[in-house]
Protein backbone atom coordinates (compact mmCIF):
# COMPACT_ATOMS: atom_id res chain seq x y z
CA MET A 1 146.35 125.34 155.92
CA ASP A 2 147.93 122.87 158.32
CA LEU A 3 151.35 121.33 157.78
CA THR A 4 152.96 118.40 159.57
CA VAL A 5 156.66 117.81 160.13
CA TYR A 6 157.66 114.26 160.92
CA VAL A 7 160.70 114.44 163.19
CA ARG A 8 162.92 112.40 165.43
CA ASN A 9 164.13 113.52 168.86
CA GLY A 10 167.73 114.78 168.75
CA CYS A 11 167.72 115.32 164.98
CA HIS A 12 169.45 118.62 164.17
CA LEU A 13 167.96 118.70 160.66
CA CYS A 14 164.52 118.37 162.23
CA GLU A 15 165.21 121.21 164.65
CA ASP A 16 166.45 123.41 161.80
CA MET A 17 163.40 122.76 159.62
CA VAL A 18 160.94 123.39 162.44
CA ALA A 19 162.71 126.63 163.40
CA GLU A 20 162.62 127.86 159.80
CA LEU A 21 158.93 126.96 159.47
CA ARG A 22 158.11 128.80 162.71
CA ARG A 23 159.76 131.93 161.27
CA LEU A 24 157.73 131.58 158.07
CA GLN A 25 154.43 131.24 159.96
CA ALA A 26 154.30 134.99 160.59
CA GLU A 27 154.51 135.72 156.88
CA TYR A 28 152.46 132.81 155.53
CA ASP A 29 149.49 131.88 157.66
CA PHE A 30 149.66 128.13 158.30
CA GLY A 31 149.34 125.75 161.21
CA LEU A 32 152.27 123.54 162.12
CA GLN A 33 152.24 120.21 163.89
CA THR A 34 155.31 118.16 164.72
CA VAL A 35 155.07 114.39 165.07
CA ASP A 36 157.88 112.33 166.59
CA ILE A 37 158.01 109.22 164.40
CA ASP A 38 159.53 107.20 167.22
CA THR A 39 156.20 107.32 169.09
CA ASP A 40 154.51 105.28 166.34
CA ALA A 41 155.99 102.05 164.98
CA ALA A 42 154.24 102.47 161.61
CA LEU A 43 155.65 105.98 161.16
CA ALA A 44 159.12 104.84 162.21
CA ALA A 45 158.96 102.02 159.66
CA ARG A 46 157.63 104.36 156.97
CA HIS A 47 160.21 107.13 157.42
CA GLY A 48 163.18 105.33 158.97
CA THR A 49 166.11 107.75 158.96
CA ARG A 50 164.48 109.94 156.31
CA VAL A 51 163.53 112.84 158.59
CA PRO A 52 162.46 115.56 158.77
CA VAL A 53 159.61 115.18 156.31
CA LEU A 54 157.24 118.11 155.71
CA CYS A 55 153.74 117.17 154.57
CA ALA A 56 150.42 118.80 153.79
CA GLY A 57 148.02 115.97 154.44
CA GLU A 58 149.43 113.02 152.50
CA GLU A 59 151.42 115.22 150.11
CA GLU A 60 155.14 115.39 150.85
CA LEU A 61 156.50 118.90 150.35
CA SER A 62 160.14 118.35 151.28
CA HIS A 63 162.47 116.18 153.31
CA TYR A 64 165.83 116.61 155.02
CA PHE A 65 165.93 120.34 154.18
CA LEU A 66 163.11 122.84 153.72
CA ASP A 67 162.47 123.68 150.08
CA LYS A 68 161.24 127.21 150.79
CA LYS A 69 160.49 128.04 147.17
CA SER A 70 158.26 124.99 146.75
CA LEU A 71 156.59 125.59 150.11
CA VAL A 72 155.77 129.22 149.29
CA GLY A 73 154.41 128.16 145.90
CA PHE A 74 152.26 125.52 147.57
CA LEU A 75 150.93 127.96 150.17
CA ARG A 76 150.09 130.49 147.43
CA GLY A 77 148.36 127.84 145.35
CA ASP A 78 150.84 128.02 142.46
């Protein structure tokens, strides 16, 4: 399972979410990619100031703060 976090450089919420996800990777086997929305005009327009956004493919799992309970349920297939 691969997850993507859409972030913005200098965003403390983004840094917090990525750090928490990295800690969870040891327990729940998933890949993690970060994408800086400011490197793509379409992504910047889509997300604006609404970062970080955690997605599995096109499905949004959480934004601003990690919803750990929902993420764990998703990873377990609940």
